[in-house]
Amino acid sequence: MAIADKKQIKRRTWMMPQEVEVWYVLPAIRRELAKIMKTKTVPRVGEDGKKKDHKVTQKEIAKMLGVTEPAITQYLLKKKGRRSRGDQVVIPERFLVELNKSADNMINQYETRGSNEDMFEVMTSEINRLIKVIRDDGAMCDIHRQFSAHVKDNCSACKR
């Protein structure tokens, strides 16, 4: 994973990899999922009784990701600069296939369950899966090194 703007990153000491996941990677994953979901359409029956493709709305995305609508708006804005910690992490393209799978699964579950159903379990399962993919790839260690000054290049603490 790459850092959006290396000059402004303050490397902290004694930051656990789990802190990096929560503070930086989780918001970056949500941002990327929101961007992908916004491009998706779902077949729905219109008022005329015919099936038509409808874009997934920001309100629906917010419900699927367990965040507010304004958070989705911020994720989708294309402003330069960093608005949040999650904007400091760029998800590499090699993870886009997995992000797409998660977005499709969440949307399918949302459509199957109905808009009034709780999506917490589905969202948690998909984000846990994505974090595992990023960990297994070794990208999480790279991010940890970039945000935490004490992590050595040959650190193997997470692999023990």
N, C-alpha and C. Protein backbone atom coordinates (compact mmCIF):
# COMPACT_ATOMS: atom_id res chain seq x y z
N MET A 1 0.84 -1.18 0.00
CA MET A 1 0.00 0.00 0.00
C MET A 1 0.88 1.23 0.00
N ALA A 2 0.41 2.22 -0.64
CA ALA A 2 1.18 3.46 -0.74
C ALA A 2 0.59 4.52 0.17
N ILE A 3 1.42 5.44 0.52
CA ILE A 3 0.99 6.58 1.32
C ILE A 3 0.66 7.71 0.36
N ALA A 4 -0.45 8.40 0.59
CA ALA A 4 -0.92 9.44 -0.32
C ALA A 4 0.05 10.62 -0.39
N ASP A 5 0.57 11.06 0.73
CA ASP A 5 1.45 12.22 0.75
C ASP A 5 2.49 12.00 1.84
N LYS A 6 3.63 11.44 1.47
CA LYS A 6 4.64 11.02 2.45
C LYS A 6 5.18 12.16 3.30
N LYS A 7 5.27 13.36 2.76
CA LYS A 7 5.88 14.47 3.47
C LYS A 7 5.14 14.83 4.75
N GLN A 8 3.83 14.65 4.79
CA GLN A 8 3.04 15.10 5.92
C GLN A 8 2.75 13.99 6.94
N ILE A 9 3.24 12.80 6.72
CA ILE A 9 2.97 11.69 7.63
C ILE A 9 3.87 11.82 8.85
N LYS A 10 3.26 11.79 10.01
CA LYS A 10 4.03 11.78 11.26
C LYS A 10 4.11 10.34 11.72
N ARG A 11 5.32 9.84 11.79
CA ARG A 11 5.51 8.47 12.25
C ARG A 11 5.52 8.45 13.76
N ARG A 12 4.63 7.68 14.31
CA ARG A 12 4.51 7.56 15.77
C ARG A 12 5.37 6.40 16.26
N THR A 13 5.65 6.39 17.53
CA THR A 13 6.37 5.26 18.10
C THR A 13 5.39 4.33 18.79
N TRP A 14 5.75 3.09 18.88
CA TRP A 14 4.98 2.06 19.56
C TRP A 14 3.52 1.98 19.12
N MET A 15 3.29 2.06 17.87
CA MET A 15 1.94 1.89 17.33
C MET A 15 1.77 0.42 16.93
N MET A 16 0.76 -0.21 17.48
CA MET A 16 0.48 -1.61 17.17
C MET A 16 -0.11 -1.72 15.76
N PRO A 17 0.10 -2.85 15.09
CA PRO A 17 -0.47 -3.02 13.75
C PRO A 17 -2.00 -2.92 13.77
N GLN A 18 -2.61 -3.35 14.87
CA GLN A 18 -4.07 -3.27 14.97
C GLN A 18 -4.54 -1.82 14.99
N GLU A 19 -3.75 -0.93 15.59
CA GLU A 19 -4.10 0.50 15.59
C GLU A 19 -4.05 1.06 14.18
N VAL A 20 -3.04 0.65 13.42
CA VAL A 20 -2.93 1.10 12.03
C VAL A 20 -4.14 0.61 11.24
N GLU A 21 -4.55 -0.62 11.49
CA GLU A 21 -5.73 -1.16 10.80
C GLU A 21 -6.97 -0.33 11.09
N VAL A 22 -7.20 -0.04 12.37
CA VAL A 22 -8.41 0.68 12.77
C VAL A 22 -8.37 2.14 12.32
N TRP A 23 -7.25 2.81 12.53
CA TRP A 23 -7.19 4.25 12.27
C TRP A 23 -6.99 4.60 10.80
N TYR A 24 -6.29 3.74 10.05
CA TYR A 24 -5.94 4.09 8.68
C TYR A 24 -6.53 3.16 7.63
N VAL A 25 -6.39 1.84 7.83
CA VAL A 25 -6.79 0.90 6.80
C VAL A 25 -8.31 0.74 6.72
N LEU A 26 -8.97 0.62 7.86
CA LEU A 26 -10.43 0.46 7.86
C LEU A 26 -11.13 1.62 7.14
N PRO A 27 -10.80 2.89 7.45
CA PRO A 27 -11.43 3.98 6.69
C PRO A 27 -11.09 3.94 5.20
N ALA A 28 -9.88 3.52 4.86
CA ALA A 28 -9.50 3.43 3.44
C ALA A 28 -10.31 2.34 2.73
N ILE A 29 -10.54 1.22 3.42
CA ILE A 29 -11.36 0.15 2.84
C ILE A 29 -12.79 0.65 2.64
N ARG A 30 -13.35 1.31 3.66
CA ARG A 30 -14.71 1.84 3.53
C ARG A 30 -14.79 2.83 2.36
N ARG A 31 -13.78 3.69 2.24
CA ARG A 31 -13.76 4.66 1.14
C ARG A 31 -13.80 3.94 -0.21
N GLU A 32 -12.95 2.94 -0.37
CA GLU A 32 -12.90 2.22 -1.65
C GLU A 32 -14.18 1.45 -1.92
N LEU A 33 -14.75 0.83 -0.88
CA LEU A 33 -16.03 0.13 -1.06
C LEU A 33 -17.12 1.11 -1.48
N ALA A 34 -17.15 2.29 -0.85
CA ALA A 34 -18.16 3.30 -1.21
C ALA A 34 -18.00 3.71 -2.68
N LYS A 35 -16.78 3.92 -3.11
CA LYS A 35 -16.54 4.31 -4.51
C LYS A 35 -17.01 3.23 -5.47
N ILE A 36 -16.71 1.98 -5.14
CA ILE A 36 -17.12 0.87 -5.99
C ILE A 36 -18.63 0.72 -5.99
N MET A 37 -19.24 0.75 -4.79
CA MET A 37 -20.69 0.58 -4.69
C MET A 37 -21.45 1.67 -5.46
N LYS A 38 -20.90 2.87 -5.48
CA LYS A 38 -21.56 3.98 -6.17
C LYS A 38 -21.65 3.74 -7.67
N THR A 39 -20.79 2.89 -8.21
CA THR A 39 -20.81 2.59 -9.64
C THR A 39 -21.76 1.45 -9.99
N LYS A 40 -22.31 0.79 -9.00
CA LYS A 40 -23.12 -0.42 -9.22
C LYS A 40 -24.59 -0.08 -9.45
N THR A 41 -25.23 -0.96 -10.19
CA THR A 41 -26.69 -0.87 -10.38
C THR A 41 -27.31 -2.19 -9.94
N VAL A 42 -28.57 -2.11 -9.55
CA VAL A 42 -29.31 -3.30 -9.14
C VAL A 42 -30.66 -3.29 -9.86
N PRO A 43 -31.13 -4.48 -10.26
CA PRO A 43 -32.44 -4.54 -10.90
C PRO A 43 -33.55 -4.44 -9.85
N ARG A 44 -34.44 -3.49 -10.04
CA ARG A 44 -35.57 -3.31 -9.12
C ARG A 44 -36.84 -3.09 -9.94
N VAL A 45 -37.95 -3.48 -9.36
CA VAL A 45 -39.24 -3.29 -10.01
C VAL A 45 -39.68 -1.85 -9.79
N GLY A 46 -39.95 -1.16 -10.88
CA GLY A 46 -40.38 0.23 -10.81
C GLY A 46 -41.87 0.34 -10.54
N GLU A 47 -42.36 1.57 -10.48
CA GLU A 47 -43.78 1.81 -10.23
C GLU A 47 -44.66 1.24 -11.34
N ASP A 48 -44.09 1.12 -12.53
CA ASP A 48 -44.84 0.56 -13.66
C ASP A 48 -44.83 -0.97 -13.68
N GLY A 49 -44.17 -1.59 -12.67
CA GLY A 49 -44.13 -3.04 -12.58
C GLY A 49 -43.03 -3.69 -13.38
N LYS A 50 -42.25 -2.89 -14.08
CA LYS A 50 -41.16 -3.44 -14.90
C LYS A 50 -39.84 -3.35 -14.15
N LYS A 51 -38.99 -4.34 -14.42
CA LYS A 51 -37.65 -4.32 -13.81
C LYS A 51 -36.77 -3.32 -14.56
N LYS A 52 -36.08 -2.51 -13.77
CA LYS A 52 -35.14 -1.55 -14.34
C LYS A 52 -33.90 -1.53 -13.46
N ASP A 53 -32.78 -1.17 -14.07
CA ASP A 53 -31.55 -1.02 -13.29
C ASP A 53 -31.56 0.32 -12.58
N HIS A 54 -31.28 0.28 -11.28
CA HIS A 54 -31.21 1.49 -10.46
C HIS A 54 -29.83 1.57 -9.83
N LYS A 55 -29.29 2.78 -9.80
CA LYS A 55 -28.00 2.98 -9.13
C LYS A 55 -28.18 2.82 -7.63
N VAL A 56 -27.15 2.27 -6.97
CA VAL A 56 -27.16 2.15 -5.52
C VAL A 56 -26.98 3.57 -4.96
N THR A 57 -27.84 3.97 -4.04
CA THR A 57 -27.80 5.34 -3.52
C THR A 57 -26.79 5.47 -2.38
N GLN A 58 -26.41 6.71 -2.09
CA GLN A 58 -25.50 6.97 -0.98
C GLN A 58 -26.12 6.56 0.34
N LYS A 59 -27.42 6.73 0.46
CA LYS A 59 -28.12 6.32 1.69
C LYS A 59 -28.00 4.80 1.89
N GLU A 60 -28.15 4.05 0.80
CA GLU A 60 -28.04 2.59 0.88
C GLU A 60 -26.59 2.18 1.19
N ILE A 61 -25.64 2.86 0.57
CA ILE A 61 -24.23 2.56 0.82
C ILE A 61 -23.91 2.81 2.29
N ALA A 62 -24.39 3.92 2.82
CA ALA A 62 -24.16 4.25 4.24
C ALA A 62 -24.71 3.14 5.13
N LYS A 63 -25.90 2.66 4.82
CA LYS A 63 -26.50 1.60 5.63
C LYS A 63 -25.69 0.30 5.52
N MET A 64 -25.20 0.00 4.33
CA MET A 64 -24.42 -1.23 4.15
C MET A 64 -23.07 -1.16 4.87
N LEU A 65 -22.47 0.02 4.92
CA LEU A 65 -21.15 0.17 5.53
C LEU A 65 -21.21 0.59 6.99
N GLY A 66 -22.40 0.88 7.48
CA GLY A 66 -22.54 1.24 8.89
C GLY A 66 -21.97 2.60 9.22
N VAL A 67 -22.08 3.54 8.28
CA VAL A 67 -21.60 4.90 8.50
C VAL A 67 -22.72 5.87 8.13
N THR A 68 -22.49 7.16 8.32
CA THR A 68 -23.49 8.16 7.99
C THR A 68 -23.44 8.53 6.51
N GLU A 69 -24.51 9.12 6.02
CA GLU A 69 -24.51 9.61 4.64
C GLU A 69 -23.44 10.67 4.40
N PRO A 70 -23.23 11.62 5.35
CA PRO A 70 -22.14 12.58 5.14
C PRO A 70 -20.76 11.91 5.03
N ALA A 71 -20.57 10.80 5.72
CA ALA A 71 -19.30 10.07 5.60
C ALA A 71 -19.14 9.55 4.17
N ILE A 72 -20.22 9.03 3.61
CA ILE A 72 -20.17 8.54 2.22
C ILE A 72 -19.85 9.69 1.27
N THR A 73 -20.47 10.85 1.49
CA THR A 73 -20.18 12.02 0.67
C THR A 73 -18.70 12.35 0.72
N GLN A 74 -18.11 12.32 1.92
CA GLN A 74 -16.68 12.61 2.06
C GLN A 74 -15.83 11.56 1.34
N TYR A 75 -16.22 10.29 1.45
CA TYR A 75 -15.48 9.23 0.75
C TYR A 75 -15.49 9.45 -0.76
N LEU A 76 -16.60 9.96 -1.27
CA LEU A 76 -16.76 10.09 -2.71
C LEU A 76 -16.21 11.40 -3.29
N LEU A 77 -15.94 12.37 -2.43
CA LEU A 77 -15.39 13.63 -2.91
C LEU A 77 -14.02 13.40 -3.52
N LYS A 78 -13.74 14.14 -4.57
CA LYS A 78 -12.45 13.96 -5.24
C LYS A 78 -11.56 15.17 -5.02
N LYS A 79 -11.58 15.70 -3.82
CA LYS A 79 -10.73 16.83 -3.49
C LYS A 79 -9.30 16.37 -3.30
N LYS A 80 -8.37 17.27 -3.60
CA LYS A 80 -6.97 16.97 -3.32
C LYS A 80 -6.72 17.18 -1.84
N GLY A 81 -5.74 16.47 -1.32
CA GLY A 81 -5.40 16.62 0.09
C GLY A 81 -6.08 15.55 0.92
N ARG A 82 -5.75 15.57 2.18
CA ARG A 82 -6.28 14.55 3.09
C ARG A 82 -7.34 15.15 3.98
N ARG A 83 -8.47 14.47 4.05
CA ARG A 83 -9.54 14.89 4.95
C ARG A 83 -9.56 14.02 6.20
N SER A 84 -9.01 12.84 6.10
CA SER A 84 -9.05 11.91 7.23
C SER A 84 -7.82 11.01 7.20
N ARG A 85 -7.66 10.24 8.25
CA ARG A 85 -6.55 9.29 8.29
C ARG A 85 -6.65 8.28 7.16
N GLY A 86 -7.88 7.87 6.85
CA GLY A 86 -8.08 6.89 5.77
C GLY A 86 -7.61 7.38 4.42
N ASP A 87 -7.58 8.69 4.24
CA ASP A 87 -7.11 9.25 2.97
C ASP A 87 -5.59 9.15 2.85
N GLN A 88 -4.91 8.79 3.91
CA GLN A 88 -3.46 8.67 3.88
C GLN A 88 -2.99 7.33 3.33
N VAL A 89 -3.92 6.39 3.19
CA VAL A 89 -3.60 5.06 2.68
C VAL A 89 -4.26 4.89 1.32
N VAL A 90 -3.47 4.47 0.35
CA VAL A 90 -3.99 4.17 -0.98
C VAL A 90 -4.03 2.65 -1.13
N ILE A 91 -5.20 2.12 -1.39
CA ILE A 91 -5.34 0.68 -1.56
C ILE A 91 -4.78 0.31 -2.94
N PRO A 92 -3.79 -0.58 -3.00
CA PRO A 92 -3.22 -0.96 -4.30
C PRO A 92 -4.25 -1.62 -5.22
N GLU A 93 -4.05 -1.45 -6.49
CA GLU A 93 -4.98 -2.00 -7.48
C GLU A 93 -5.10 -3.51 -7.39
N ARG A 94 -4.08 -4.18 -6.90
CA ARG A 94 -4.14 -5.65 -6.83
C ARG A 94 -5.25 -6.14 -5.89
N PHE A 95 -5.78 -5.25 -5.06
CA PHE A 95 -6.86 -5.64 -4.15
C PHE A 95 -8.25 -5.28 -4.70
N LEU A 96 -8.31 -4.64 -5.87
CA LEU A 96 -9.60 -4.21 -6.42
C LEU A 96 -10.55 -5.37 -6.69
N VAL A 97 -10.03 -6.50 -7.12
CA VAL A 97 -10.88 -7.66 -7.38
C VAL A 97 -11.58 -8.09 -6.08
N GLU A 98 -10.81 -8.12 -4.98
CA GLU A 98 -11.38 -8.52 -3.69
C GLU A 98 -12.38 -7.48 -3.18
N LEU A 99 -12.06 -6.20 -3.37
CA LEU A 99 -12.99 -5.14 -2.98
C LEU A 99 -14.28 -5.24 -3.77
N ASN A 100 -14.18 -5.52 -5.06
CA ASN A 100 -15.37 -5.70 -5.90
C ASN A 100 -16.21 -6.87 -5.42
N LYS A 101 -15.56 -7.99 -5.07
CA LYS A 101 -16.29 -9.15 -4.56
C LYS A 101 -17.07 -8.78 -3.30
N SER A 102 -16.41 -8.06 -2.40
CA SER A 102 -17.08 -7.66 -1.15
C SER A 102 -18.24 -6.71 -1.43
N ALA A 103 -18.02 -5.74 -2.31
CA ALA A 103 -19.09 -4.80 -2.65
C ALA A 103 -20.29 -5.55 -3.24
N ASP A 104 -20.02 -6.45 -4.17
CA ASP A 104 -21.11 -7.22 -4.79
C ASP A 104 -21.85 -8.07 -3.75
N ASN A 105 -21.12 -8.72 -2.85
CA ASN A 105 -21.76 -9.54 -1.83
C ASN A 105 -22.62 -8.69 -0.90
N MET A 106 -22.10 -7.55 -0.49
CA MET A 106 -22.86 -6.68 0.41
C MET A 106 -24.13 -6.16 -0.27
N ILE A 107 -24.01 -5.76 -1.52
CA ILE A 107 -25.17 -5.27 -2.26
C ILE A 107 -26.20 -6.39 -2.45
N ASN A 108 -25.73 -7.58 -2.82
CA ASN A 108 -26.64 -8.72 -3.00
C ASN A 108 -27.36 -9.06 -1.70
N GLN A 109 -26.63 -9.06 -0.59
CA GLN A 109 -27.26 -9.34 0.71
C GLN A 109 -28.27 -8.25 1.07
N TYR A 110 -27.92 -7.01 0.78
CA TYR A 110 -28.82 -5.88 1.06
C TYR A 110 -30.11 -6.03 0.24
N GLU A 111 -29.97 -6.39 -1.01
CA GLU A 111 -31.14 -6.57 -1.89
C GLU A 111 -31.97 -7.77 -1.45
N THR A 112 -31.33 -8.84 -1.02
CA THR A 112 -32.03 -10.06 -0.61
C THR A 112 -32.74 -9.87 0.73
N ARG A 113 -32.06 -9.25 1.67
CA ARG A 113 -32.59 -9.08 3.03
C ARG A 113 -33.64 -7.98 3.12
N GLY A 114 -33.49 -6.98 2.30
CA GLY A 114 -34.39 -5.82 2.38
C GLY A 114 -33.72 -4.69 3.12
N SER A 115 -34.13 -3.49 2.83
CA SER A 115 -33.46 -2.30 3.35
C SER A 115 -33.63 -2.10 4.85
N ASN A 116 -34.59 -2.79 5.47
CA ASN A 116 -34.79 -2.62 6.91
C ASN A 116 -33.96 -3.58 7.75
N GLU A 117 -33.30 -4.51 7.10
CA GLU A 117 -32.49 -5.50 7.84
C GLU A 117 -31.13 -4.92 8.21
N ASP A 118 -30.61 -5.38 9.32
CA ASP A 118 -29.29 -4.97 9.80
C ASP A 118 -28.21 -5.63 8.96
N MET A 119 -27.25 -4.83 8.50
CA MET A 119 -26.17 -5.32 7.65
C MET A 119 -24.86 -5.52 8.43
N PHE A 120 -24.89 -5.35 9.74
CA PHE A 120 -23.66 -5.38 10.53
C PHE A 120 -22.85 -6.65 10.32
N GLU A 121 -23.51 -7.79 10.39
CA GLU A 121 -22.80 -9.07 10.28
C GLU A 121 -22.17 -9.24 8.90
N VAL A 122 -22.90 -8.88 7.86
CA VAL A 122 -22.38 -8.99 6.49
C VAL A 122 -21.20 -8.05 6.30
N MET A 123 -21.38 -6.80 6.71
CA MET A 123 -20.31 -5.80 6.57
C MET A 123 -19.07 -6.23 7.34
N THR A 124 -19.25 -6.67 8.59
CA THR A 124 -18.12 -7.09 9.41
C THR A 124 -17.39 -8.27 8.78
N SER A 125 -18.14 -9.22 8.29
CA SER A 125 -17.54 -10.40 7.67
C SER A 125 -16.71 -10.01 6.44
N GLU A 126 -17.26 -9.16 5.60
CA GLU A 126 -16.55 -8.74 4.38
C GLU A 126 -15.31 -7.91 4.70
N ILE A 127 -15.41 -7.00 5.63
CA ILE A 127 -14.25 -6.17 5.96
C ILE A 127 -13.18 -7.01 6.65
N ASN A 128 -13.58 -7.95 7.51
CA ASN A 128 -12.60 -8.87 8.10
C ASN A 128 -11.88 -9.68 7.03
N ARG A 129 -12.64 -10.13 6.04
CA ARG A 129 -12.04 -10.89 4.93
C ARG A 129 -11.03 -10.04 4.19
N LEU A 130 -11.39 -8.79 3.91
CA LEU A 130 -10.48 -7.89 3.18
C LEU A 130 -9.21 -7.61 3.98
N ILE A 131 -9.36 -7.38 5.27
CA ILE A 131 -8.18 -7.12 6.11
C ILE A 131 -7.28 -8.35 6.13
N LYS A 132 -7.87 -9.54 6.18
CA LYS A 132 -7.06 -10.77 6.14
C LYS A 132 -6.30 -10.87 4.83
N VAL A 133 -6.94 -10.55 3.73
CA VAL A 133 -6.28 -10.58 2.42
C VAL A 133 -5.09 -9.61 2.40
N ILE A 134 -5.29 -8.43 2.95
CA ILE A 134 -4.24 -7.41 2.99
C ILE A 134 -3.10 -7.86 3.91
N ARG A 135 -3.45 -8.48 5.05
CA ARG A 135 -2.42 -9.00 5.96
C ARG A 135 -1.62 -10.11 5.31
N ASP A 136 -2.35 -11.09 4.72
CA ASP A 136 -1.69 -12.25 4.11
C ASP A 136 -0.76 -11.84 2.98
N ASP A 137 -1.09 -10.78 2.29
CA ASP A 137 -0.27 -10.27 1.19
C ASP A 137 1.02 -9.61 1.70
N GLY A 138 1.03 -9.19 2.96
CA GLY A 138 2.18 -8.48 3.52
C GLY A 138 2.04 -6.97 3.44
N ALA A 139 0.98 -6.50 2.80
CA ALA A 139 0.78 -5.05 2.65
C ALA A 139 0.53 -4.37 3.99
N MET A 140 -0.09 -5.07 4.93
CA MET A 140 -0.35 -4.47 6.24
C MET A 140 0.96 -4.15 6.95
N CYS A 141 1.96 -5.02 6.80
CA CYS A 141 3.28 -4.77 7.40
C CYS A 141 3.91 -3.52 6.79
N ASP A 142 3.76 -3.36 5.48
CA ASP A 142 4.31 -2.16 4.81
C ASP A 142 3.66 -0.90 5.36
N ILE A 143 2.36 -0.94 5.54
CA ILE A 143 1.64 0.23 6.08
C ILE A 143 2.09 0.49 7.51
N HIS A 144 2.22 -0.57 8.29
CA HIS A 144 2.65 -0.43 9.68
C HIS A 144 4.03 0.25 9.74
N ARG A 145 4.95 -0.15 8.87
CA ARG A 145 6.28 0.46 8.83
C ARG A 145 6.19 1.95 8.49
N GLN A 146 5.29 2.31 7.62
CA GLN A 146 5.19 3.70 7.18
C GLN A 146 4.62 4.62 8.26
N PHE A 147 3.80 4.07 9.15
CA PHE A 147 3.16 4.90 10.18
C PHE A 147 3.81 4.78 11.55
N SER A 148 4.66 3.81 11.73
CA SER A 148 5.23 3.57 13.05
C SER A 148 6.76 3.54 12.96
N ALA A 149 7.40 4.45 13.64
CA ALA A 149 8.84 4.65 13.55
C ALA A 149 9.66 3.47 14.07
N HIS A 150 9.15 2.70 14.99
CA HIS A 150 9.95 1.64 15.61
C HIS A 150 9.96 0.32 14.84
N VAL A 151 9.14 0.17 13.82
CA VAL A 151 9.04 -1.10 13.11
C VAL A 151 10.21 -1.23 12.13
N LYS A 152 10.99 -2.27 12.34
CA LYS A 152 12.16 -2.51 11.49
C LYS A 152 11.75 -3.14 10.17
N ASP A 153 12.61 -3.00 9.17
CA ASP A 153 12.33 -3.58 7.86
C ASP A 153 12.17 -5.10 7.91
N ASN A 154 12.88 -5.74 8.83
CA ASN A 154 12.80 -7.21 8.93
C ASN A 154 11.91 -7.67 10.07
N CYS A 155 11.00 -6.81 10.53
CA CYS A 155 10.11 -7.16 11.63
C CYS A 155 9.28 -8.39 11.27
N SER A 156 9.15 -9.31 12.21
CA SER A 156 8.34 -10.51 11.99
C SER A 156 7.40 -10.76 13.15
N ALA A 157 7.11 -9.74 13.92
CA ALA A 157 6.27 -9.89 15.12
C ALA A 157 4.90 -10.47 14.82
N CYS A 158 4.30 -10.07 13.71
CA CYS A 158 2.95 -10.55 13.37
C CYS A 158 2.95 -11.98 12.85
N LYS A 159 4.11 -12.46 12.43
CA LYS A 159 4.18 -13.80 11.83
C LYS A 159 4.48 -14.88 12.84
N ARG A 160 4.66 -14.50 14.08
CA ARG A 160 5.01 -15.50 15.11
C ARG A 160 3.79 -16.19 15.63
